[in-house]
């Protein structure tokens, strides 16, 4: 245990040190806008996190060594369990009546870019608290570990182990620059570029600077938290909704692809990508279907309004953002179920979205088609291909294994919630919404309500579900296997 944990804790100490300056963002807002006791909350949060990191570094710096793959998994899990704890402490003390369970749930939701909230009365909260909730989603969008690899190159420590454990999607060995730190810096550079453009677009659409900053954070992070209980419905603005729809659509595409586009000054990495083409087609078809459903059932009387609401909510749920402008759970039952279903798989690998990822669905559909052909022509050679190349068997095996564990985890977590007394619709959709990092579910956790109605036990189950979903299940569950702990 000594040889396994101390090097991991040594690196984790620097993660804490890198995370501590994030408290300065809400501190700045509190200092310039609130001028009240919340300044002390954020200052103490910064000091406590930085001091913890420094003390842990001093205690473990003698144990630095090259990270092994097993170390990477340990470190990433440690980060996603402990950082929400540090992020939750200010929320617990600053939000009246917020329990420890609710504060941790809120922090986990923010850092995993899930967007499920347990707080009511958001409109009345100090700006600094809402800034903190939203800013955490910007950080969590691409992953705190990628940020650390980018800005804090670990002296003598390999970054690939962290990248493999953290990065969503089955094609984790893809690198677009010779060194992983360069790739991470490139990703965050693209991320910042899009984020600035998004904030300026929101400002142009009519938001104030504070609201534009907060909604930029939760749009580019595909998290969906908002400083208002009514989410983007607070503005009742078609211009703001179309801006959100555009940037959510762009954030649902792999930032790796944007990086290559900018590097080679060519759109071919996007236009020639099968996953991205499928993603855009699925969104377009879903928008058309939902628009027709809303018109057919008389939910909206005119086509432009139906299209606006259909496009916004399809993109919001499909990309696992979770914004809403109305209670879409009251629409014809086919529509909210379709929206939740889209959130399970529509976003692309390498984006800030959650879920299974479109590339896995593409591979599964290709494999199903291959099996149908083999039934008719048993001797035919018909391998699964992607981008003109044969997909290696280990990748396909990993996809099958992931889908099996995904189904088992969904059923298991749903059964745990049912044991606590939650109804089946709320339990199942809450698990789907948290494992896939969508945000709102249906039933008592639908868009017209929030997760604050749940018990402490239910919130802890769903906090675990969000973490498992953010790390794509396998990264977490591998810790519970005997082989992982054997030398």
Protein backbone atom coordinates (compact mmCIF):
# COMPACT_ATOMS: atom_id res chain seq x y z
CA UNK A 1 0.00 0.00 0.00
CA UNK A 2 2.91 2.32 0.79
CA UNK A 3 4.44 1.91 -2.65
CA UNK A 4 1.06 2.21 -4.38
CA UNK A 5 -0.55 5.20 -2.68
CA UNK A 6 2.29 7.59 -1.83
CA UNK A 7 3.36 8.38 -5.42
CA UNK A 8 -0.31 8.88 -6.31
CA UNK A 9 -0.81 11.19 -3.33
CA UNK A 10 2.31 13.08 -4.37
CA UNK A 11 0.74 13.91 -7.74
CA UNK A 12 -2.65 14.54 -6.13
CA UNK A 13 -1.05 17.20 -3.93
CA UNK A 14 -0.22 19.16 -7.07
CA UNK A 15 -3.74 18.66 -8.37
CA UNK A 16 -5.00 20.34 -5.18
CA UNK A 17 -2.52 23.16 -5.63
CA UNK A 18 -3.65 23.62 -9.23
CA UNK A 19 -7.32 23.54 -8.18
CA UNK A 20 -6.98 26.09 -5.37
CA UNK A 21 -6.82 29.22 -7.62
CA UNK A 22 -10.31 28.41 -8.94
CA UNK A 23 -11.68 29.80 -5.66
CA UNK A 24 -10.30 33.18 -6.68
CA UNK A 25 -12.90 33.47 -9.46
CA UNK A 26 -15.95 33.62 -7.14
CA UNK A 27 -13.80 35.58 -4.68
CA UNK A 28 -13.35 38.28 -7.33
CA UNK A 29 -17.08 38.41 -8.03
CA UNK A 30 -17.87 38.56 -4.30
CA UNK A 31 -15.32 41.33 -3.74
CA UNK A 32 -16.50 43.54 -6.59
CA UNK A 33 -20.26 42.79 -6.57
CA UNK A 34 -21.36 41.47 -3.17
CA UNK A 35 -19.03 43.10 -0.66
CA UNK A 36 -20.25 40.80 2.12
CA UNK A 37 -19.16 37.82 4.22
CA UNK A 38 -18.97 35.54 1.17
CA UNK A 39 -15.56 37.04 0.46
CA UNK A 40 -14.32 35.23 3.56
CA UNK A 41 -15.90 31.94 2.44
CA UNK A 42 -14.02 31.95 -0.87
CA UNK A 43 -10.78 33.20 0.69
CA UNK A 44 -10.88 30.40 3.25
CA UNK A 45 -11.70 27.87 0.52
CA UNK A 46 -8.65 28.97 -1.44
CA UNK A 47 -6.41 28.92 1.62
CA UNK A 48 -7.63 25.53 2.87
CA UNK A 49 -7.23 23.87 -0.53
CA UNK A 50 -3.80 25.36 -1.16
CA UNK A 51 -2.60 24.51 2.35
CA UNK A 52 -3.86 20.92 2.02
CA UNK A 53 -2.03 20.54 -1.27
CA UNK A 54 1.19 22.02 0.10
CA UNK A 55 1.17 19.86 3.25
CA UNK A 56 0.46 16.72 1.22
CA UNK A 57 3.24 17.65 -1.20
CA UNK A 58 5.74 18.13 1.63
CA UNK A 59 4.76 14.75 3.11
CA UNK A 60 5.00 12.78 -0.15
CA UNK A 61 7.50 14.56 -2.44
CA UNK A 62 10.18 11.96 -1.67
CA UNK A 63 8.04 9.32 -3.36
CA UNK A 64 7.86 10.77 -6.86
CA UNK A 65 8.20 8.24 -9.64
CA UNK A 66 6.88 7.53 -13.13
CA UNK A 67 3.14 6.89 -13.09
CA UNK A 68 2.06 3.40 -14.06
CA UNK A 69 -1.35 2.75 -15.67
CA UNK A 70 -2.72 1.55 -12.35
CA UNK A 71 -1.56 4.79 -10.71
CA UNK A 72 -3.44 6.81 -13.31
CA UNK A 73 -6.73 5.10 -12.49
CA UNK A 74 -6.19 5.59 -8.77
CA UNK A 75 -5.34 9.25 -9.22
CA UNK A 76 -8.30 10.07 -11.44
CA UNK A 77 -10.75 8.40 -9.06
CA UNK A 78 -9.18 10.20 -6.11
CA UNK A 79 -9.51 13.53 -7.91
CA UNK A 80 -13.17 13.04 -8.73
CA UNK A 81 -14.06 11.91 -5.21
CA UNK A 82 -12.10 14.52 -3.25
CA UNK A 83 -12.28 17.69 -5.38
CA UNK A 84 -16.10 17.84 -5.13
CA UNK A 85 -15.64 17.70 -1.35
CA UNK A 86 -13.46 20.83 -1.40
CA UNK A 87 -15.85 22.48 -3.87
CA UNK A 88 -18.86 21.60 -1.70
CA UNK A 89 -17.65 23.21 1.53
CA UNK A 90 -18.27 26.84 0.43
CA UNK A 91 -21.70 25.86 -0.90
CA UNK A 92 -22.64 24.25 2.40
CA UNK A 93 -21.75 27.36 4.37
CA UNK A 94 -22.93 29.97 1.87
CA UNK A 95 -26.32 28.54 0.82
CA UNK A 96 -28.89 28.65 3.65
CA UNK A 97 -30.34 25.26 4.56
CA UNK A 98 -28.13 23.26 2.20
CA UNK A 99 -27.24 19.90 3.76
CA UNK A 100 -23.87 18.20 3.40
CA UNK A 101 -25.38 15.63 1.04
CA UNK A 102 -26.95 18.31 -1.13
CA UNK A 103 -23.74 20.37 -1.20
CA UNK A 104 -21.63 17.39 -2.28
CA UNK A 105 -24.26 16.42 -4.87
CA UNK A 106 -24.24 19.98 -6.25
CA UNK A 107 -20.44 20.09 -6.42
CA UNK A 108 -20.26 16.65 -8.05
CA UNK A 109 -22.92 17.69 -10.54
CA UNK A 110 -20.97 20.82 -11.39
CA UNK A 111 -17.55 19.22 -11.79
CA UNK A 112 -18.93 16.29 -13.81
CA UNK A 113 -20.86 18.78 -16.00
CA UNK A 114 -24.09 16.97 -15.23
CA UNK A 115 -26.25 19.97 -14.40
CA UNK A 116 -28.56 18.29 -11.89
CA UNK A 117 -29.21 20.74 -9.08
CA UNK A 118 -30.45 20.31 -5.53
CA UNK A 119 -30.77 24.06 -4.85
CA UNK A 120 -33.98 26.08 -5.14
CA UNK A 121 -34.21 29.87 -5.11
CA UNK A 122 -31.21 30.32 -7.41
CA UNK A 123 -32.40 33.78 -8.46
CA UNK A 124 -31.92 35.08 -4.91
CA UNK A 125 -28.43 33.65 -4.34
CA UNK A 126 -25.38 35.93 -4.31
CA UNK A 127 -23.69 36.16 -7.70
CA UNK A 128 -20.48 34.58 -6.40
CA UNK A 129 -22.26 31.32 -5.48
CA UNK A 130 -23.82 30.94 -8.92
CA UNK A 131 -20.50 31.88 -10.52
CA UNK A 132 -18.84 29.07 -8.54
CA UNK A 133 -21.45 26.49 -9.60
CA UNK A 134 -21.13 27.48 -13.25
CA UNK A 135 -17.35 27.93 -13.32
CA UNK A 136 -16.89 24.40 -11.97
CA UNK A 137 -18.69 23.14 -15.07
CA UNK A 138 -16.29 24.95 -17.36
CA UNK A 139 -13.39 23.23 -15.57
CA UNK A 140 -15.08 19.85 -15.48
CA UNK A 141 -16.11 20.00 -19.14
CA UNK A 142 -12.87 18.70 -20.57
CA UNK A 143 -11.64 17.32 -17.29
CA UNK A 144 -9.61 18.73 -14.47
CA UNK A 145 -6.88 16.19 -15.17
CA UNK A 146 -6.33 17.49 -18.71
CA UNK A 147 -5.97 20.97 -17.26
CA UNK A 148 -3.35 19.75 -14.83
CA UNK A 149 -1.41 17.95 -17.55
CA UNK A 150 -1.55 21.08 -19.70
CA UNK A 151 -0.50 23.75 -17.23
CA UNK A 152 1.45 21.72 -14.68
CA UNK A 153 3.69 19.30 -16.57
CA UNK A 154 4.47 16.65 -14.02
CA UNK A 155 8.23 16.55 -13.67
CA UNK A 156 9.32 13.04 -14.48
CA UNK A 157 5.73 11.78 -14.57
CA UNK A 158 3.95 10.52 -17.68
CA UNK A 159 0.71 12.22 -18.64
CA UNK A 160 -0.64 9.45 -20.89
CA UNK A 161 -1.80 7.40 -17.91
CA UNK A 162 -4.01 10.29 -16.81
CA UNK A 163 -5.20 10.97 -20.36
CA UNK A 164 -6.27 7.35 -20.87
CA UNK A 165 -8.17 7.22 -17.58
CA UNK A 166 -9.82 10.62 -18.02
CA UNK A 167 -10.63 10.99 -21.72
CA UNK A 168 -14.13 9.80 -22.74
CA UNK A 169 -14.62 7.50 -25.71
CA UNK A 170 -13.15 4.20 -26.95
CA UNK A 171 -10.33 5.63 -29.10
CA UNK A 172 -8.16 6.82 -26.20
CA UNK A 173 -4.79 6.21 -27.81
CA UNK A 174 -5.35 8.91 -30.44
CA UNK A 175 -2.84 11.73 -30.11
CA UNK A 176 -2.54 14.65 -32.47
CA UNK A 177 0.79 15.99 -31.21
CA UNK A 178 3.90 14.04 -30.22
CA UNK A 179 3.50 14.75 -26.51
CA UNK A 180 0.36 14.40 -24.44
CA UNK A 181 1.01 17.73 -22.67
CA UNK A 182 0.98 19.48 -26.06
CA UNK A 183 -2.28 17.76 -26.94
CA UNK A 184 -3.82 18.84 -23.65
CA UNK A 185 -2.68 22.42 -24.12
CA UNK A 186 -4.06 22.40 -27.65
CA UNK A 187 -7.42 21.13 -26.43
CA UNK A 188 -7.67 23.76 -23.74
CA UNK A 189 -6.61 26.45 -26.19
CA UNK A 190 -9.49 25.51 -28.50
CA UNK A 191 -11.80 25.27 -25.50
CA UNK A 192 -10.91 28.78 -24.33
CA UNK A 193 -11.30 30.16 -27.86
CA UNK A 194 -14.82 28.76 -28.19
CA UNK A 195 -15.67 29.87 -24.65
CA UNK A 196 -14.76 33.50 -25.35
CA UNK A 197 -16.81 33.43 -28.56
CA UNK A 198 -19.76 31.94 -26.66
CA UNK A 199 -19.65 34.61 -23.94
CA UNK A 200 -19.53 37.42 -26.49
CA UNK A 201 -22.44 35.86 -28.39
CA UNK A 202 -24.55 35.70 -25.22
CA UNK A 203 -23.68 39.32 -24.48
CA UNK A 204 -24.72 40.28 -28.01
CA UNK A 205 -27.98 38.35 -27.56
CA UNK A 206 -28.94 40.48 -24.56
CA UNK A 207 -27.39 38.97 -21.42
CA UNK A 208 -25.45 41.03 -18.90
CA UNK A 209 -21.75 40.28 -18.52
CA UNK A 210 -22.22 38.16 -15.37
CA UNK A 211 -25.00 36.06 -16.92
CA UNK A 212 -23.07 35.75 -20.19
CA UNK A 213 -20.03 34.45 -18.30
CA UNK A 214 -22.03 31.94 -16.24
CA UNK A 215 -24.03 30.60 -19.17
CA UNK A 216 -20.89 30.41 -21.29
CA UNK A 217 -19.37 28.17 -18.62
CA UNK A 218 -22.33 25.81 -18.58
CA UNK A 219 -22.86 25.86 -22.34
CA UNK A 220 -19.30 25.02 -23.35
CA UNK A 221 -19.05 22.51 -20.49
CA UNK A 222 -22.40 21.04 -21.63
CA UNK A 223 -23.44 21.11 -18.01
CA UNK A 224 -26.60 23.21 -18.08
CA UNK A 225 -26.54 24.78 -14.62
CA UNK A 226 -28.06 28.26 -14.55
CA UNK A 227 -28.27 31.11 -12.03
CA UNK A 228 -32.06 31.01 -12.46
CA UNK A 229 -34.64 28.44 -11.39
CA UNK A 230 -36.30 28.83 -14.80
CA UNK A 231 -32.99 28.15 -16.59
CA UNK A 232 -32.84 29.93 -19.95
CA UNK A 233 -36.63 30.26 -19.81
CA UNK A 234 -35.91 33.20 -17.50
CA UNK A 235 -35.12 35.35 -20.54
CA UNK A 236 -37.92 34.26 -22.90
CA UNK A 237 -35.62 35.29 -25.74
CA UNK A 238 -35.49 33.54 -29.11
CA UNK A 239 -32.10 35.12 -29.84
CA UNK A 240 -30.54 33.75 -26.64
CA UNK A 241 -32.02 30.29 -27.27
CA UNK A 242 -30.64 30.13 -30.81
CA UNK A 243 -27.20 31.23 -29.58
CA UNK A 244 -27.34 28.48 -26.94
CA UNK A 245 -28.49 25.94 -29.53
CA UNK A 246 -25.61 26.81 -31.86
CA UNK A 247 -22.89 26.62 -29.22
CA UNK A 248 -24.31 23.46 -27.59
CA UNK A 249 -24.24 21.82 -31.03
CA UNK A 250 -20.62 22.85 -31.53
CA UNK A 251 -19.61 21.73 -28.03
CA UNK A 252 -21.11 18.31 -28.73
CA UNK A 253 -18.40 17.72 -31.37
CA UNK A 254 -14.93 16.48 -30.47
CA UNK A 255 -12.58 19.30 -29.50
CA UNK A 256 -9.78 17.12 -30.86
CA UNK A 257 -11.29 17.65 -34.30
CA UNK A 258 -11.39 21.41 -33.86
CA UNK A 259 -7.76 21.28 -32.80
CA UNK A 260 -6.82 19.46 -36.01
CA UNK A 261 -8.95 21.84 -38.11
CA UNK A 262 -7.13 24.86 -36.70
CA UNK A 263 -3.75 23.17 -36.96
CA UNK A 264 -4.14 22.16 -40.62
CA UNK A 265 -6.54 24.96 -41.65
CA UNK A 266 -8.93 22.51 -43.24
CA UNK A 267 -12.54 21.47 -42.47
CA UNK A 268 -11.96 17.97 -43.76
CA UNK A 269 -11.34 16.47 -40.26
CA UNK A 270 -14.94 17.45 -39.44
CA UNK A 271 -16.72 16.98 -42.78
CA UNK A 272 -15.03 13.61 -43.32
CA UNK A 273 -15.72 12.26 -39.83
CA UNK A 274 -18.40 9.57 -39.75
CA UNK A 275 -19.24 10.15 -36.09
CA UNK A 276 -19.79 13.89 -36.58
CA UNK A 277 -21.91 13.39 -39.70
CA UNK A 278 -24.08 10.88 -37.85
CA UNK A 279 -24.35 13.23 -34.87
CA UNK A 280 -25.61 16.09 -37.05
CA UNK A 281 -28.05 13.85 -38.93
CA UNK A 282 -29.48 12.48 -35.69
CA UNK A 283 -29.98 16.00 -34.34
CA UNK A 284 -31.64 17.18 -37.57
CA UNK A 285 -34.01 14.21 -37.74
CA UNK A 286 -34.90 14.49 -34.06
CA UNK A 287 -35.62 18.22 -34.40
CA UNK A 288 -37.89 17.55 -37.38
CA UNK A 289 -39.77 14.78 -35.56
CA UNK A 290 -40.24 16.80 -32.36
CA UNK A 291 -41.35 19.88 -34.32
CA UNK A 292 -44.01 17.86 -36.12
CA UNK A 293 -45.14 16.25 -32.85
CA UNK A 294 -45.53 19.64 -31.15
CA UNK A 295 -47.55 20.98 -34.08
CA UNK A 296 -49.68 17.85 -34.43
CA UNK A 297 -50.64 17.88 -30.74
CA UNK A 298 -51.30 21.61 -30.68
CA UNK A 299 -48.58 22.41 -28.14
CA UNK A 300 -47.57 25.35 -30.33
CA UNK A 301 -49.76 26.90 -33.01
CA UNK A 302 -47.10 28.19 -35.40
CA UNK A 303 -44.11 26.52 -37.05
CA UNK A 304 -41.36 29.01 -36.00
CA UNK A 305 -42.21 28.67 -32.29
CA UNK A 306 -42.45 24.88 -32.54
CA UNK A 307 -39.11 24.71 -34.39
CA UNK A 308 -37.41 27.03 -31.89
CA UNK A 309 -38.52 24.97 -28.89
CA UNK A 310 -37.86 21.65 -30.59
CA UNK A 311 -34.35 22.61 -31.72
CA UNK A 312 -33.40 24.05 -28.35
CA UNK A 313 -34.58 21.10 -26.26
CA UNK A 314 -33.40 18.39 -28.67
CA UNK A 315 -29.88 19.85 -28.75
CA UNK A 316 -29.90 20.60 -25.01
CA UNK A 317 -30.82 17.06 -23.99
CA UNK A 318 -28.97 15.23 -26.79
CA UNK A 319 -25.70 16.97 -25.90
CA UNK A 320 -26.36 16.27 -22.18
CA UNK A 321 -26.50 19.99 -21.37
CA UNK A 322 -29.90 19.98 -19.70
CA UNK A 323 -31.06 23.57 -20.23
CA UNK A 324 -34.81 24.07 -20.49
CA UNK A 325 -37.17 26.92 -21.27
CA UNK A 326 -40.39 25.09 -20.46
CA UNK A 327 -41.61 21.93 -18.75
CA UNK A 328 -41.05 19.57 -21.68
CA UNK A 329 -42.17 16.68 -19.47
CA UNK A 330 -45.73 17.96 -20.10
CA UNK A 331 -45.32 17.53 -23.87
CA UNK A 332 -46.66 14.35 -25.57
CA UNK A 333 -44.98 11.47 -23.72
CA UNK A 334 -43.04 10.35 -26.81
CA UNK A 335 -41.05 13.61 -26.83
CA UNK A 336 -39.52 13.68 -23.32
CA UNK A 337 -38.69 9.97 -23.58
CA UNK A 338 -37.01 10.61 -26.94
CA UNK A 339 -35.04 13.51 -25.45
CA UNK A 340 -33.76 11.39 -22.56
CA UNK A 341 -32.91 8.59 -25.01
CA UNK A 342 -30.90 10.96 -27.22
CA UNK A 343 -28.88 12.08 -24.22
CA UNK A 344 -27.65 8.53 -23.75
CA UNK A 345 -25.57 8.42 -26.92
CA UNK A 346 -25.74 11.47 -29.20
CA UNK A 347 -22.66 13.54 -28.21
CA UNK A 348 -19.31 12.78 -29.81
CA UNK A 349 -16.28 11.26 -28.13
CA UNK A 350 -13.82 14.01 -27.24
CA UNK A 351 -16.60 16.53 -26.63
CA UNK A 352 -17.63 17.86 -23.24
CA UNK A 353 -20.84 15.81 -23.36
CA UNK A 354 -21.62 12.64 -21.45
CA UNK A 355 -23.31 9.38 -22.35
CA UNK A 356 -22.26 6.37 -24.38
CA UNK A 357 -20.91 8.57 -27.22
CA UNK A 358 -21.98 8.45 -30.83
CA UNK A 359 -18.86 6.61 -32.00
CA UNK A 360 -19.80 3.60 -29.87
CA UNK A 361 -23.30 3.58 -31.33
CA UNK A 362 -21.86 3.78 -34.84
CA UNK A 363 -19.60 0.81 -34.13
CA UNK A 364 -22.46 -1.20 -32.60
CA UNK A 365 -24.73 -0.53 -35.58
CA UNK A 366 -21.94 -1.55 -37.96
CA UNK A 367 -21.37 -4.74 -35.95
CA UNK A 368 -25.10 -5.53 -36.01
CA UNK A 369 -25.19 -5.01 -39.78
CA UNK A 370 -22.12 -7.25 -40.12
CA UNK A 371 -23.83 -10.03 -38.20
CA UNK A 372 -26.95 -9.77 -40.38
CA UNK A 373 -24.79 -10.12 -43.49
CA UNK A 374 -22.99 -13.13 -41.98
CA UNK A 375 -26.30 -14.89 -41.40
CA UNK A 376 -26.92 -14.81 -45.16
CA UNK A 377 -23.29 -15.18 -46.28
CA UNK A 378 -21.40 -17.09 -43.56
CA UNK A 379 -18.07 -17.04 -45.44
CA UNK A 380 -18.02 -13.37 -46.34
CA UNK A 381 -15.16 -11.21 -45.05
CA UNK A 382 -16.87 -8.08 -43.77
CA UNK A 383 -14.87 -6.38 -41.00
CA UNK A 384 -16.14 -3.36 -39.06
CA UNK A 385 -14.47 -0.23 -40.42
CA UNK A 386 -14.32 3.38 -39.31
CA UNK A 387 -12.81 6.21 -41.36
CA UNK A 388 -11.71 3.65 -43.94
CA UNK A 389 -9.71 1.56 -41.48
CA UNK A 390 -10.56 -1.77 -39.90
CA UNK A 391 -11.49 -1.35 -36.25
CA UNK A 392 -9.15 -3.54 -34.16
CA UNK A 393 -10.74 -6.41 -32.24
CA UNK A 394 -9.60 -5.02 -28.85
CA UNK A 395 -11.53 -1.79 -29.54
CA UNK A 396 -14.70 -3.72 -30.43
CA UNK A 397 -14.28 -5.92 -27.35
CA UNK A 398 -13.93 -2.79 -25.22
CA UNK A 399 -17.15 -1.39 -26.71
CA UNK A 400 -19.04 -4.61 -25.99
CA UNK A 401 -17.65 -4.74 -22.46
CA UNK A 402 -18.56 -1.12 -21.83
CA UNK A 403 -22.13 -1.61 -23.05
CA UNK A 404 -22.58 -4.67 -20.82
CA UNK A 405 -21.32 -2.81 -17.76
CA UNK A 406 -23.34 0.27 -18.72
CA UNK A 407 -26.55 -1.78 -18.75
CA UNK A 408 -25.70 -3.57 -15.52
CA UNK A 409 -24.80 -0.33 -13.74
CA UNK A 410 -28.01 1.35 -14.88
CA UNK A 411 -30.13 -1.52 -13.62
CA UNK A 412 -28.18 -1.84 -10.36
CA UNK A 413 -28.36 1.87 -9.51
CA UNK A 414 -32.06 1.97 -10.39
CA UNK A 415 -32.72 -0.94 -8.05
CA UNK A 416 -30.85 0.88 -5.26
CA UNK A 417 -33.10 3.92 -5.69
CA UNK A 418 -36.20 1.72 -5.76
CA UNK A 419 -35.07 0.22 -2.43
CA UNK A 420 -35.16 3.73 -0.96
CA UNK A 421 -38.81 4.14 -1.96
CA UNK A 422 -38.46 6.29 -5.09
CA UNK A 423 -41.03 5.62 -7.84
CA UNK A 424 -39.93 3.74 -10.95
CA UNK A 425 -40.14 6.64 -13.43
CA UNK A 426 -38.17 9.01 -11.21
CA UNK A 427 -35.66 6.32 -10.21
CA UNK A 428 -34.93 5.07 -13.72
CA UNK A 429 -34.74 8.49 -15.37
CA UNK A 430 -32.67 9.91 -12.49
CA UNK A 431 -30.11 7.15 -13.05
CA UNK A 432 -30.16 7.64 -16.82
CA UNK A 433 -29.81 11.41 -16.34
CA UNK A 434 -26.88 11.14 -13.91
CA UNK A 435 -24.96 8.22 -15.44
CA UNK A 436 -25.13 9.99 -18.80
CA UNK A 437 -24.52 13.41 -17.18
CA UNK A 438 -27.73 14.81 -18.71
CA UNK A 439 -29.11 16.62 -15.66
CA UNK A 440 -32.91 16.64 -15.38
CA UNK A 441 -34.86 13.40 -15.52
CA UNK A 442 -38.61 12.84 -15.39
CA UNK A 443 -41.07 12.42 -12.55
CA UNK A 444 -40.08 14.21 -9.34
CA UNK A 445 -36.66 15.07 -10.85
CA UNK A 446 -38.12 16.51 -14.05
CA UNK A 447 -37.40 19.97 -15.53
CA UNK A 448 -40.13 21.60 -13.40
CA UNK A 449 -38.52 20.32 -10.18
CA UNK A 450 -35.00 19.46 -9.00
CA UNK A 451 -33.06 16.87 -7.03
CA UNK A 452 -33.47 18.72 -3.75
CA UNK A 453 -36.64 16.68 -3.09
CA UNK A 454 -34.61 13.47 -2.75
CA UNK A 455 -33.33 11.95 0.47
CA UNK A 456 -29.67 11.94 1.52
CA UNK A 457 -29.30 8.26 0.59
CA UNK A 458 -30.72 8.89 -2.88
CA UNK A 459 -28.42 11.86 -3.41
CA UNK A 460 -25.33 9.81 -2.50
CA UNK A 461 -26.36 7.07 -4.94
CA UNK A 462 -26.78 9.63 -7.71
CA UNK A 463 -23.51 11.38 -6.80
CA UNK A 464 -21.78 8.05 -7.36
CA UNK A 465 -23.70 7.63 -10.62
CA UNK A 466 -22.48 11.02 -11.88
CA UNK A 467 -18.87 10.19 -11.10
CA UNK A 468 -19.14 6.77 -12.72
CA UNK A 469 -20.73 8.30 -15.79
CA UNK A 470 -18.12 11.06 -16.07
CA UNK A 471 -15.32 8.48 -15.94
CA UNK A 472 -17.24 6.09 -18.19
CA UNK A 473 -17.83 3.39 -15.57
CA UNK A 474 -14.82 1.19 -16.31
CA UNK A 475 -12.33 3.64 -14.80
CA UNK A 476 -14.23 3.47 -11.50
CA UNK A 477 -15.29 -0.17 -11.46
CA UNK A 478 -11.80 -1.46 -12.22
CA UNK A 479 -10.85 -0.47 -8.67
CA UNK A 480 -13.26 -3.10 -7.38
CA UNK A 481 -11.55 -6.00 -9.13
CA UNK A 482 -9.05 -8.23 -7.35
CA UNK A 483 -6.58 -8.06 -10.25
CA UNK A 484 -6.20 -4.32 -9.85
CA UNK A 485 -4.73 -4.62 -6.35
CA UNK A 486 -2.41 -7.53 -7.07
CA UNK A 487 1.25 -6.71 -7.68
